[in-house]
Amino acid sequence: MAKHRPIEERMAELQAQMSVLQAKQNKKQINSDPKVKAIDKKINELNKMALKWKRWNKEAEQKVSDFEARVAEWVSRGEQAEAWLAQYQQDLAALKEERNLIANEVAKGM
């Protein structure tokens, strides 16, 4: 035959369960208080804002590094463009002069 637990042990377990249930009830009442709700709302808003700031804090160093690399790239492109455009002006002038000479020869032959 199965041995039953003593009544004192069962009562202690029920008391523990009652304490847990009472704590849940108290917590529910506290959480439904308008002042507590207002503070909880502020806490949630602050946590949402913290996500943005945490991300910025985490990414700042990499973003600065990437931006500096882009700056260096554009400085280099600017220097290359300046040199290319100077050569372009010379090449364009030479081609226009050659075209004028050929156009004059063609015109003389007409």
Protein backbone atom coordinates (compact mmCIF):
# COMPACT_ATOMS: atom_id res chain seq x y z
CA MET A 1 0.00 0.00 0.00
CA ALA A 2 1.29 3.49 -0.90
CA LYS A 3 2.51 5.68 1.88
CA HIS A 4 0.83 9.11 2.02
CA ARG A 5 2.70 12.27 2.83
CA PRO A 6 2.16 13.67 6.26
CA ILE A 7 -0.47 16.40 6.61
CA GLU A 8 2.14 18.89 7.87
CA GLU A 9 4.19 18.44 4.69
CA ARG A 10 1.13 18.88 2.47
CA MET A 11 0.06 21.96 4.44
CA ALA A 12 3.57 23.46 4.10
CA GLU A 13 3.42 22.92 0.32
CA LEU A 14 -0.02 24.52 0.18
CA GLN A 15 1.24 27.48 2.21
CA ALA A 16 4.16 27.88 -0.20
CA GLN A 17 1.79 27.70 -3.16
CA MET A 18 -0.51 30.27 -1.49
CA SER A 19 2.47 32.58 -0.98
CA VAL A 20 3.37 32.30 -4.67
CA LEU A 21 -0.23 32.94 -5.73
CA GLN A 22 -0.52 35.90 -3.35
CA ALA A 23 2.71 37.37 -4.75
CA LYS A 24 1.32 37.01 -8.29
CA GLN A 25 -1.89 38.71 -7.27
CA ASN A 26 0.00 41.54 -5.58
CA LYS A 27 2.24 41.95 -8.63
CA LYS A 28 -0.81 42.11 -10.90
CA GLN A 29 -2.37 44.82 -8.73
CA ILE A 30 0.87 46.79 -8.59
CA ASN A 31 1.35 46.54 -12.37
CA SER A 32 -2.19 47.82 -13.01
CA ASP A 33 -1.64 50.99 -10.96
CA PRO A 34 -1.69 54.07 -13.27
CA LYS A 35 1.46 55.56 -11.74
CA VAL A 36 3.35 52.29 -12.16
CA LYS A 37 2.03 51.98 -15.73
CA ALA A 38 3.28 55.48 -16.53
CA ILE A 39 6.75 54.69 -15.22
CA ASP A 40 6.78 51.35 -17.08
CA LYS A 41 5.92 53.25 -20.28
CA LYS A 42 8.83 55.64 -19.71
CA ILE A 43 11.14 52.69 -19.06
CA ASN A 44 10.08 51.06 -22.34
CA GLU A 45 10.61 54.30 -24.28
CA LEU A 46 14.03 54.76 -22.71
CA ASN A 47 14.98 51.17 -23.60
CA LYS A 48 13.89 51.76 -27.20
CA MET A 49 16.06 54.86 -27.39
CA ALA A 50 18.95 52.95 -25.84
CA LEU A 51 18.88 50.49 -28.75
CA LYS A 52 19.71 53.30 -31.18
CA TRP A 53 22.47 54.67 -28.97
CA LYS A 54 23.95 51.22 -28.39
CA ARG A 55 24.02 50.60 -32.15
CA TRP A 56 25.67 53.97 -32.78
CA ASN A 57 28.21 53.26 -30.07
CA LYS A 58 28.98 49.86 -31.54
CA GLU A 59 29.21 51.03 -35.17
CA ALA A 60 30.85 54.45 -34.70
CA GLU A 61 34.46 53.34 -35.08
CA GLN A 62 33.75 51.29 -38.21
CA LYS A 63 31.64 54.06 -39.76
CA VAL A 64 34.43 56.62 -39.20
CA SER A 65 36.97 54.23 -40.69
CA ASP A 66 34.77 53.59 -43.73
CA PHE A 67 34.15 57.31 -44.17
CA GLU A 68 37.86 58.12 -43.99
CA ALA A 69 38.51 55.45 -46.63
CA ARG A 70 35.87 57.06 -48.86
CA VAL A 71 37.47 60.48 -48.31
CA ALA A 72 40.86 59.13 -49.35
CA GLU A 73 39.29 57.48 -52.41
CA TRP A 74 37.64 60.73 -53.50
CA VAL A 75 40.82 62.75 -52.95
CA SER A 76 42.61 60.26 -55.18
CA ARG A 77 39.83 60.40 -57.78
CA GLY A 78 39.99 64.20 -57.75
CA GLU A 79 43.74 64.16 -58.38
CA GLN A 80 43.40 61.60 -61.17
CA ALA A 81 40.54 63.57 -62.72
CA GLU A 82 42.59 66.75 -62.66
CA ALA A 83 45.49 65.05 -64.45
CA TRP A 84 43.19 63.35 -66.93
CA LEU A 85 41.32 66.56 -67.72
CA ALA A 86 44.61 68.41 -68.32
CA GLN A 87 45.65 65.70 -70.80
CA TYR A 88 42.15 65.76 -72.29
CA GLN A 89 42.47 69.49 -73.04
CA GLN A 90 45.78 68.89 -74.82
CA ASP A 91 44.43 65.89 -76.78
CA LEU A 92 41.24 67.75 -77.70
CA ALA A 93 43.18 70.80 -78.90
CA ALA A 94 45.49 68.58 -81.00
CA LEU A 95 42.55 66.71 -82.54
CA LYS A 96 40.69 69.94 -83.34
CA GLU A 97 43.81 71.37 -84.98
CA GLU A 98 44.28 68.19 -87.01
CA ARG A 99 40.60 68.28 -88.01
CA ASN A 100 40.91 71.88 -89.16
CA LEU A 101 43.95 71.04 -91.29
CA ILE A 102 42.19 68.10 -92.90
CA ALA A 103 39.01 70.15 -93.41
CA ASN A 104 41.05 72.87 -95.10
CA GLU A 105 42.70 70.32 -97.42
CA VAL A 106 39.32 68.82 -98.28
CA ALA A 107 37.92 72.29 -98.91
CA LYS A 108 40.85 73.16 -101.25
CA GLY A 109 40.18 70.03 -103.24
CA MET A 110 36.59 71.02 -103.94
